[in-house]
Amino acid sequence: MPKNSVFLLFHTIHDVLRAEKIMKERGAAYELVPVPRNLSSDCGMAIRLDDDPKDIGQYVDGIEIAGSFSFDGAVYKRLEP
């Protein structure tokens, strides 16, 4: 897993799939992954991005994110909305 990844957590699998569809349409580099053990969510899947956290909004507009976390290879840090 690359350093400086961003994990997006969602409330439902439906939200994950909607976000994935938007990201695919917009050419985002992403990966569907199980929610890391250090994090929790109502849904068991998350989206991992290698993009700058400032750019996340362009991919998921209209979809509520349960949480977003940066990962530097060792530590998860909650990102502000």
PDB file of N, CA and C in Angstrom:
ATOM      1  N   MET A   1       0.836  -1.170   0.000  1.00  0.00           N
ATOM      2  CA  MET A   1       0.000   0.000   0.000  1.00  0.00           C
ATOM      3  C   MET A   1       0.885   1.239   0.000  1.00  0.00           C
ATOM      4  N   PRO A   2       0.618   2.194  -0.920  1.00  0.00           N
ATOM      5  CA  PRO A   2       1.434   3.399  -0.978  1.00  0.00           C
ATOM      6  C   PRO A   2       1.273   4.251   0.273  1.00  0.00           C
ATOM      7  N   LYS A   3       2.306   4.986   0.595  1.00  0.00           N
ATOM      8  CA  LYS A   3       2.198   5.924   1.707  1.00  0.00           C
ATOM      9  C   LYS A   3       1.308   7.078   1.283  1.00  0.00           C
ATOM     10  N   ASN A   4       0.805   7.816   2.282  1.00  0.00           N
ATOM     11  CA  ASN A   4      -0.030   8.985   2.053  1.00  0.00           C
ATOM     12  C   ASN A   4      -1.305   8.664   1.281  1.00  0.00           C
ATOM     13  N   SER A   5      -1.959   7.608   1.682  1.00  0.00           N
ATOM     14  CA  SER A   5      -3.254   7.252   1.122  1.00  0.00           C
ATOM     15  C   SER A   5      -4.348   7.921   1.928  1.00  0.00           C
ATOM     16  N   VAL A   6      -5.517   8.031   1.318  1.00  0.00           N
ATOM     17  CA  VAL A   6      -6.695   8.537   2.008  1.00  0.00           C
ATOM     18  C   VAL A   6      -7.752   7.447   1.944  1.00  0.00           C
ATOM     19  N   PHE A   7      -8.357   7.146   3.099  1.00  0.00           N
ATOM     20  CA  PHE A   7      -9.428   6.162   3.181  1.00  0.00           C
ATOM     21  C   PHE A   7     -10.740   6.885   3.404  1.00  0.00           C
ATOM     22  N   LEU A   8     -11.734   6.570   2.590  1.00  0.00           N
ATOM     23  CA  LEU A   8     -13.074   7.121   2.733  1.00  0.00           C
ATOM     24  C   LEU A   8     -13.987   6.023   3.244  1.00  0.00           C
ATOM     25  N   LEU A   9     -14.673   6.291   4.343  1.00  0.00           N
ATOM     26  CA  LEU A   9     -15.614   5.344   4.922  1.00  0.00           C
ATOM     27  C   LEU A   9     -17.021   5.870   4.705  1.00  0.00           C
ATOM     28  N   PHE A  10     -17.941   4.953   4.457  1.00  0.00           N
ATOM     29  CA  PHE A  10     -19.322   5.307   4.154  1.00  0.00           C
ATOM     30  C   PHE A  10     -20.259   4.555   5.085  1.00  0.00           C
ATOM     31  N   HIS A  11     -21.502   5.037   5.167  1.00  0.00           N
ATOM     32  CA  HIS A  11     -22.487   4.409   6.045  1.00  0.00           C
ATOM     33  C   HIS A  11     -23.015   3.093   5.481  1.00  0.00           C
ATOM     34  N   THR A  12     -23.136   3.015   4.168  1.00  0.00           N
ATOM     35  CA  THR A  12     -23.709   1.810   3.562  1.00  0.00           C
ATOM     36  C   THR A  12     -22.897   1.381   2.345  1.00  0.00           C
ATOM     37  N   ILE A  13     -23.061   0.137   1.959  1.00  0.00           N
ATOM     38  CA  ILE A  13     -22.399  -0.357   0.758  1.00  0.00           C
ATOM     39  C   ILE A  13     -22.946   0.353  -0.470  1.00  0.00           C
ATOM     40  N   HIS A  14     -24.209   0.793  -0.420  1.00  0.00           N
ATOM     41  CA  HIS A  14     -24.791   1.527  -1.538  1.00  0.00           C
ATOM     42  C   HIS A  14     -24.053   2.841  -1.775  1.00  0.00           C
ATOM     43  N   ASP A  15     -23.678   3.523  -0.685  1.00  0.00           N
ATOM     44  CA  ASP A  15     -22.906   4.757  -0.813  1.00  0.00           C
ATOM     45  C   ASP A  15     -21.521   4.488  -1.386  1.00  0.00           C
ATOM     46  N   VAL A  16     -20.905   3.390  -0.980  1.00  0.00           N
ATOM     47  CA  VAL A  16     -19.594   3.015  -1.519  1.00  0.00           C
ATOM     48  C   VAL A  16     -19.702   2.809  -3.025  1.00  0.00           C
ATOM     49  N   LEU A  17     -20.713   2.081  -3.453  1.00  0.00           N
ATOM     50  CA  LEU A  17     -20.869   1.784  -4.874  1.00  0.00           C
ATOM     51  C   LEU A  17     -21.205   3.035  -5.684  1.00  0.00           C
ATOM     52  N   ARG A  18     -22.006   3.946  -5.122  1.00  0.00           N
ATOM     53  CA  ARG A  18     -22.297   5.211  -5.802  1.00  0.00           C
ATOM     54  C   ARG A  18     -21.028   6.038  -5.938  1.00  0.00           C
ATOM     55  N   ALA A  19     -20.230   6.116  -4.864  1.00  0.00           N
ATOM     56  CA  ALA A  19     -18.977   6.868  -4.911  1.00  0.00           C
ATOM     57  C   ALA A  19     -18.031   6.235  -5.927  1.00  0.00           C
ATOM     58  N   GLU A  20     -17.970   4.906  -5.960  1.00  0.00           N
ATOM     59  CA  GLU A  20     -17.107   4.228  -6.922  1.00  0.00           C
ATOM     60  C   GLU A  20     -17.512   4.572  -8.353  1.00  0.00           C
ATOM     61  N   LYS A  21     -18.795   4.593  -8.616  1.00  0.00           N
ATOM     62  CA  LYS A  21     -19.282   4.919  -9.961  1.00  0.00           C
ATOM     63  C   LYS A  21     -18.852   6.328 -10.368  1.00  0.00           C
ATOM     64  N   ILE A  22     -19.005   7.285  -9.460  1.00  0.00           N
ATOM     65  CA  ILE A  22     -18.604   8.664  -9.751  1.00  0.00           C
ATOM     66  C   ILE A  22     -17.102   8.741  -9.984  1.00  0.00           C
ATOM     67  N   MET A  23     -16.333   8.067  -9.146  1.00  0.00           N
ATOM     68  CA  MET A  23     -14.879   8.105  -9.286  1.00  0.00           C
ATOM     69  C   MET A  23     -14.430   7.489 -10.615  1.00  0.00           C
ATOM     70  N   LYS A  24     -15.075   6.406 -11.005  1.00  0.00           N
ATOM     71  CA  LYS A  24     -14.734   5.760 -12.272  1.00  0.00           C
ATOM     72  C   LYS A  24     -15.025   6.707 -13.427  1.00  0.00           C
ATOM     73  N   GLU A  25     -16.195   7.374 -13.387  1.00  0.00           N
ATOM     74  CA  GLU A  25     -16.574   8.319 -14.438  1.00  0.00           C
ATOM     75  C   GLU A  25     -15.600   9.487 -14.521  1.00  0.00           C
ATOM     76  N   ARG A  26     -15.041   9.903 -13.390  1.00  0.00           N
ATOM     77  CA  ARG A  26     -14.152  11.069 -13.342  1.00  0.00           C
ATOM     78  C   ARG A  26     -12.675  10.698 -13.430  1.00  0.00           C
ATOM     79  N   GLY A  27     -12.392   9.426 -13.646  1.00  0.00           N
ATOM     80  CA  GLY A  27     -11.017   9.003 -13.871  1.00  0.00           C
ATOM     81  C   GLY A  27     -10.130   9.003 -12.637  1.00  0.00           C
ATOM     82  N   ALA A  28     -10.728   8.850 -11.466  1.00  0.00           N
ATOM     83  CA  ALA A  28      -9.948   8.843 -10.218  1.00  0.00           C
ATOM     84  C   ALA A  28      -9.190   7.535 -10.059  1.00  0.00           C
ATOM     85  N   ALA A  29      -8.030   7.621  -9.450  1.00  0.00           N
ATOM     86  CA  ALA A  29      -7.265   6.423  -9.099  1.00  0.00           C
ATOM     87  C   ALA A  29      -7.711   6.001  -7.698  1.00  0.00           C
ATOM     88  N   TYR A  30      -8.421   4.901  -7.603  1.00  0.00           N
ATOM     89  CA  TYR A  30      -8.983   4.452  -6.328  1.00  0.00           C
ATOM     90  C   TYR A  30      -8.934   2.938  -6.258  1.00  0.00           C
ATOM     91  N   GLU A  31      -9.222   2.431  -5.066  1.00  0.00           N
ATOM     92  CA  GLU A  31      -9.316   0.984  -4.876  1.00  0.00           C
ATOM     93  C   GLU A  31     -10.355   0.714  -3.797  1.00  0.00           C
ATOM     94  N   LEU A  32     -11.230  -0.252  -4.032  1.00  0.00           N
ATOM     95  CA  LEU A  32     -12.153  -0.706  -2.996  1.00  0.00           C
ATOM     96  C   LEU A  32     -11.389  -1.645  -2.083  1.00  0.00           C
ATOM     97  N   VAL A  33     -11.450  -1.397  -0.788  1.00  0.00           N
ATOM     98  CA  VAL A  33     -10.710  -2.211   0.181  1.00  0.00           C
ATOM     99  C   VAL A  33     -11.584  -2.469   1.399  1.00  0.00           C
ATOM    100  N   PRO A  34     -11.311  -3.532   2.146  1.00  0.00           N
ATOM    101  CA  PRO A  34     -11.999  -3.702   3.433  1.00  0.00           C
ATOM    102  C   PRO A  34     -11.611  -2.552   4.366  1.00  0.00           C
ATOM    103  N   VAL A  35     -12.537  -2.169   5.223  1.00  0.00           N
ATOM    104  CA  VAL A  35     -12.222  -1.109   6.188  1.00  0.00           C
ATOM    105  C   VAL A  35     -11.061  -1.587   7.056  1.00  0.00           C
ATOM    106  N   PRO A  36      -9.997  -0.787   7.169  1.00  0.00           N
ATOM    107  CA  PRO A  36      -8.860  -1.188   8.012  1.00  0.00           C
ATOM    108  C   PRO A  36      -9.303  -1.459   9.452  1.00  0.00           C
ATOM    109  N   ARG A  37      -8.661  -2.406  10.102  1.00  0.00           N
ATOM    110  CA  ARG A  37      -9.042  -2.803  11.461  1.00  0.00           C
ATOM    111  C   ARG A  37      -8.969  -1.643  12.445  1.00  0.00           C
ATOM    112  N   ASN A  38      -8.074  -0.697  12.195  1.00  0.00           N
ATOM    113  CA  ASN A  38      -7.906   0.443  13.110  1.00  0.00           C
ATOM    114  C   ASN A  38      -9.063   1.429  13.017  1.00  0.00           C
ATOM    115  N   LEU A  39      -9.877   1.315  11.989  1.00  0.00           N
ATOM    116  CA  LEU A  39     -10.990   2.230  11.762  1.00  0.00           C
ATOM    117  C   LEU A  39     -12.290   1.449  11.859  1.00  0.00           C
ATOM    118  N   SER A  40     -13.389   2.145  12.030  1.00  0.00           N
ATOM    119  CA  SER A  40     -14.667   1.440  12.040  1.00  0.00           C
ATOM    120  C   SER A  40     -15.654   2.179  11.156  1.00  0.00           C
ATOM    121  N   SER A  41     -16.677   1.468  10.743  1.00  0.00           N
ATOM    122  CA  SER A  41     -17.690   2.025   9.865  1.00  0.00           C
ATOM    123  C   SER A  41     -18.926   1.146   9.948  1.00  0.00           C
ATOM    124  N   ASP A  42     -20.061   1.691   9.530  1.00  0.00           N
ATOM    125  CA  ASP A  42     -21.267   0.881   9.443  1.00  0.00           C
ATOM    126  C   ASP A  42     -21.172  -0.084   8.266  1.00  0.00           C
ATOM    127  N   CYS A  43     -20.296   0.206   7.351  1.00  0.00           N
ATOM    128  CA  CYS A  43     -20.122  -0.593   6.144  1.00  0.00           C
ATOM    129  C   CYS A  43     -18.746  -1.236   6.191  1.00  0.00           C
ATOM    130  N   GLY A  44     -18.600  -2.435   5.683  1.00  0.00           N
ATOM    131  CA  GLY A  44     -17.335  -3.143   5.746  1.00  0.00           C
ATOM    132  C   GLY A  44     -16.351  -2.810   4.643  1.00  0.00           C
ATOM    133  N   MET A  45     -16.748  -1.957   3.686  1.00  0.00           N
ATOM    134  CA  MET A  45     -15.872  -1.590   2.578  1.00  0.00           C
ATOM    135  C   MET A  45     -15.534  -0.108   2.652  1.00  0.00           C
ATOM    136  N   ALA A  46     -14.350   0.214   2.169  1.00  0.00           N
ATOM    137  CA  ALA A  46     -13.889   1.600   2.111  1.00  0.00           C
ATOM    138  C   ALA A  46     -13.282   1.837   0.736  1.00  0.00           C
ATOM    139  N   ILE A  47     -13.042   3.099   0.438  1.00  0.00           N
ATOM    140  CA  ILE A  47     -12.350   3.458  -0.794  1.00  0.00           C
ATOM    141  C   ILE A  47     -11.020   4.074  -0.413  1.00  0.00           C
ATOM    142  N   ARG A  48      -9.957   3.581  -1.041  1.00  0.00           N
ATOM    143  CA  ARG A  48      -8.622   4.123  -0.804  1.00  0.00           C
ATOM    144  C   ARG A  48      -8.212   4.931  -2.020  1.00  0.00           C
ATOM    145  N   LEU A  49      -7.772   6.165  -1.752  1.00  0.00           N
ATOM    146  CA  LEU A  49      -7.297   7.065  -2.804  1.00  0.00           C
ATOM    147  C   LEU A  49      -5.857   7.434  -2.527  1.00  0.00           C
ATOM    148  N   ASP A  50      -5.122   7.697  -3.583  1.00  0.00           N
ATOM    149  CA  ASP A  50      -3.765   8.199  -3.424  1.00  0.00           C
ATOM    150  C   ASP A  50      -3.702   9.689  -3.741  1.00  0.00           C
ATOM    151  N   ASP A  51      -4.871  10.313  -3.953  1.00  0.00           N
ATOM    152  CA  ASP A  51      -4.938  11.730  -4.288  1.00  0.00           C
ATOM    153  C   ASP A  51      -4.763  12.612  -3.064  1.00  0.00           C
ATOM    154  N   ASP A  52      -4.521  13.874  -3.310  1.00  0.00           N
ATOM    155  CA  ASP A  52      -4.433  14.880  -2.265  1.00  0.00           C
ATOM    156  C   ASP A  52      -5.804  14.992  -1.587  1.00  0.00           C
ATOM    157  N   PRO A  53      -5.860  15.009  -0.258  1.00  0.00           N
ATOM    158  CA  PRO A  53      -7.143  15.094   0.442  1.00  0.00           C
ATOM    159  C   PRO A  53      -7.999  16.285   0.035  1.00  0.00           C
ATOM    160  N   LYS A  54      -7.383  17.366  -0.426  1.00  0.00           N
ATOM    161  CA  LYS A  54      -8.146  18.545  -0.845  1.00  0.00           C
ATOM    162  C   LYS A  54      -8.994  18.256  -2.075  1.00  0.00           C
ATOM    163  N   ASP A  55      -8.644  17.239  -2.845  1.00  0.00           N
ATOM    164  CA  ASP A  55      -9.339  16.929  -4.088  1.00  0.00           C
ATOM    165  C   ASP A  55     -10.478  15.918  -3.924  1.00  0.00           C
ATOM    166  N   ILE A  56     -10.682  15.422  -2.739  1.00  0.00           N
ATOM    167  CA  ILE A  56     -11.672  14.364  -2.520  1.00  0.00           C
ATOM    168  C   ILE A  56     -13.081  14.823  -2.859  1.00  0.00           C
ATOM    169  N   GLY A  57     -13.429  16.044  -2.515  1.00  0.00           N
ATOM    170  CA  GLY A  57     -14.784  16.545  -2.731  1.00  0.00           C
ATOM    171  C   GLY A  57     -15.258  16.429  -4.163  1.00  0.00           C
ATOM    172  N   GLN A  58     -14.366  16.525  -5.120  1.00  0.00           N
ATOM    173  CA  GLN A  58     -14.769  16.436  -6.516  1.00  0.00           C
ATOM    174  C   GLN A  58     -15.274  15.046  -6.884  1.00  0.00           C
ATOM    175  N   TYR A  59     -14.919  14.050  -6.094  1.00  0.00           N
ATOM    176  CA  TYR A  59     -15.301  12.677  -6.418  1.00  0.00           C
ATOM    177  C   TYR A  59     -16.586  12.224  -5.745  1.00  0.00           C
ATOM    178  N   VAL A  60     -16.915  12.787  -4.620  1.00  0.00           N
ATOM    179  CA  VAL A  60     -18.026  12.247  -3.844  1.00  0.00           C
ATOM    180  C   VAL A  60     -19.096  13.286  -3.543  1.00  0.00           C
ATOM    181  N   ASP A  61     -19.219  14.314  -4.349  1.00  0.00           N
ATOM    182  CA  ASP A  61     -20.233  15.318  -4.101  1.00  0.00           C
ATOM    183  C   ASP A  61     -21.618  14.678  -4.083  1.00  0.00           C
ATOM    184  N   GLY A  62     -22.388  14.995  -3.059  1.00  0.00           N
ATOM    185  CA  GLY A  62     -23.731  14.454  -2.917  1.00  0.00           C
ATOM    186  C   GLY A  62     -23.809  13.141  -2.155  1.00  0.00           C
ATOM    187  N   ILE A  63     -22.681  12.574  -1.755  1.00  0.00           N
ATOM    188  CA  ILE A  63     -22.671  11.320  -0.998  1.00  0.00           C
ATOM    189  C   ILE A  63     -22.068  11.606   0.366  1.00  0.00           C
ATOM    190  N   GLU A  64     -22.785  11.226   1.411  1.00  0.00           N
ATOM    191  CA  GLU A  64     -22.296  11.472   2.771  1.00  0.00           C
ATOM    192  C   GLU A  64     -21.173  10.496   3.120  1.00  0.00           C
ATOM    193  N   ILE A  65     -20.064  11.065   3.539  1.00  0.00           N
ATOM    194  CA  ILE A  65     -18.916  10.262   3.960  1.00  0.00           C
ATOM    195  C   ILE A  65     -18.983  10.093   5.468  1.00  0.00           C
ATOM    196  N   ALA A  66     -18.883   8.856   5.957  1.00  0.00           N
ATOM    197  CA  ALA A  66     -18.918   8.592   7.396  1.00  0.00           C
ATOM    198  C   ALA A  66     -17.624   9.040   8.067  1.00  0.00           C
ATOM    199  N   GLY A  67     -16.531   9.014   7.330  1.00  0.00           N
ATOM    200  CA  GLY A  67     -15.250   9.451   7.868  1.00  0.00           C
ATOM    201  C   GLY A  67     -14.182   9.377   6.798  1.00  0.00           C
ATOM    202  N   SER A  68     -13.197  10.241   6.918  1.00  0.00           N
ATOM    203  CA  SER A  68     -12.063  10.188   6.001  1.00  0.00           C
ATOM    204  C   SER A  68     -10.786  10.258   6.824  1.00  0.00           C
ATOM    205  N   PHE A  69      -9.823   9.443   6.432  1.00  0.00           N
ATOM    206  CA  PHE A  69      -8.589   9.304   7.198  1.00  0.00           C
ATOM    207  C   PHE A  69      -7.397   9.293   6.253  1.00  0.00           C
ATOM    208  N   SER A  70      -6.349   9.999   6.631  1.00  0.00           N
ATOM    209  CA  SER A  70      -5.095   9.888   5.888  1.00  0.00           C
ATOM    210  C   SER A  70      -4.270   8.797   6.556  1.00  0.00           C
ATOM    211  N   PHE A  71      -3.432   8.163   5.773  1.00  0.00           N
ATOM    212  CA  PHE A  71      -2.574   7.095   6.275  1.00  0.00           C
ATOM    213  C   PHE A  71      -1.185   7.313   5.712  1.00  0.00           C
ATOM    214  N   ASP A  72      -0.207   7.491   6.581  1.00  0.00           N
ATOM    215  CA  ASP A  72       1.158   7.792   6.147  1.00  0.00           C
ATOM    216  C   ASP A  72       2.051   6.559   6.088  1.00  0.00           C
ATOM    217  N   GLY A  73       1.452   5.391   6.183  1.00  0.00           N
ATOM    218  CA  GLY A  73       2.217   4.152   6.185  1.00  0.00           C
ATOM    219  C   GLY A  73       2.334   3.549   7.566  1.00  0.00           C
ATOM    220  N   ALA A  74       1.995   4.357   8.596  1.00  0.00           N
ATOM    221  CA  ALA A  74       2.087   3.869   9.971  1.00  0.00           C
ATOM    222  C   ALA A  74       0.891   4.297  10.818  1.00  0.00           C
ATOM    223  N   VAL A  75       0.391   5.522  10.613  1.00  0.00           N
ATOM    224  CA  VAL A  75      -0.633   6.088  11.485  1.00  0.00           C
ATOM    225  C   VAL A  75      -1.805   6.614  10.652  1.00  0.00           C
ATOM    226  N   TYR A  76      -3.032   6.321  11.136  1.00  0.00           N
ATOM    227  CA  TYR A  76      -4.245   6.878  10.530  1.00  0.00           C
ATOM    228  C   TYR A  76      -4.561   8.174  11.259  1.00  0.00           C
ATOM    229  N   LYS A  77      -4.915   9.216  10.481  1.00  0.00           N
ATOM    230  CA  LYS A  77      -5.276  10.505  11.054  1.00  0.00           C
ATOM    231  C   LYS A  77      -6.579  10.961  10.436  1.00  0.00           C
ATOM    232  N   ARG A  78      -7.567  11.284  11.301  1.00  0.00           N
ATOM    233  CA  ARG A  78      -8.873  11.742  10.799  1.00  0.00           C
ATOM    234  C   ARG A  78      -8.700  13.076  10.098  1.00  0.00           C
ATOM    235  N   LEU A  79      -9.325  13.184   8.927  1.00  0.00           N
ATOM    236  CA  LEU A  79      -9.312  14.431   8.179  1.00  0.00           C
ATOM    237  C   LEU A  79     -10.569  15.221   8.514  1.00  0.00           C
ATOM    238  N   GLU A  80     -10.438  16.505   8.573  1.00  0.00           N
ATOM    239  CA  GLU A  80     -11.588  17.384   8.829  1.00  0.00           C
ATOM    240  C   GLU A  80     -12.455  17.444   7.584  1.00  0.00           C
ATOM    241  N   PRO A  81     -13.789  17.529   7.779  1.00  0.00           N
ATOM    242  CA  PRO A  81     -14.690  17.591   6.615  1.00  0.00           C
ATOM    243  C   PRO A  81     -14.526  18.852   5.811  1.00  0.00           C
TER     244      PRO A  81
END
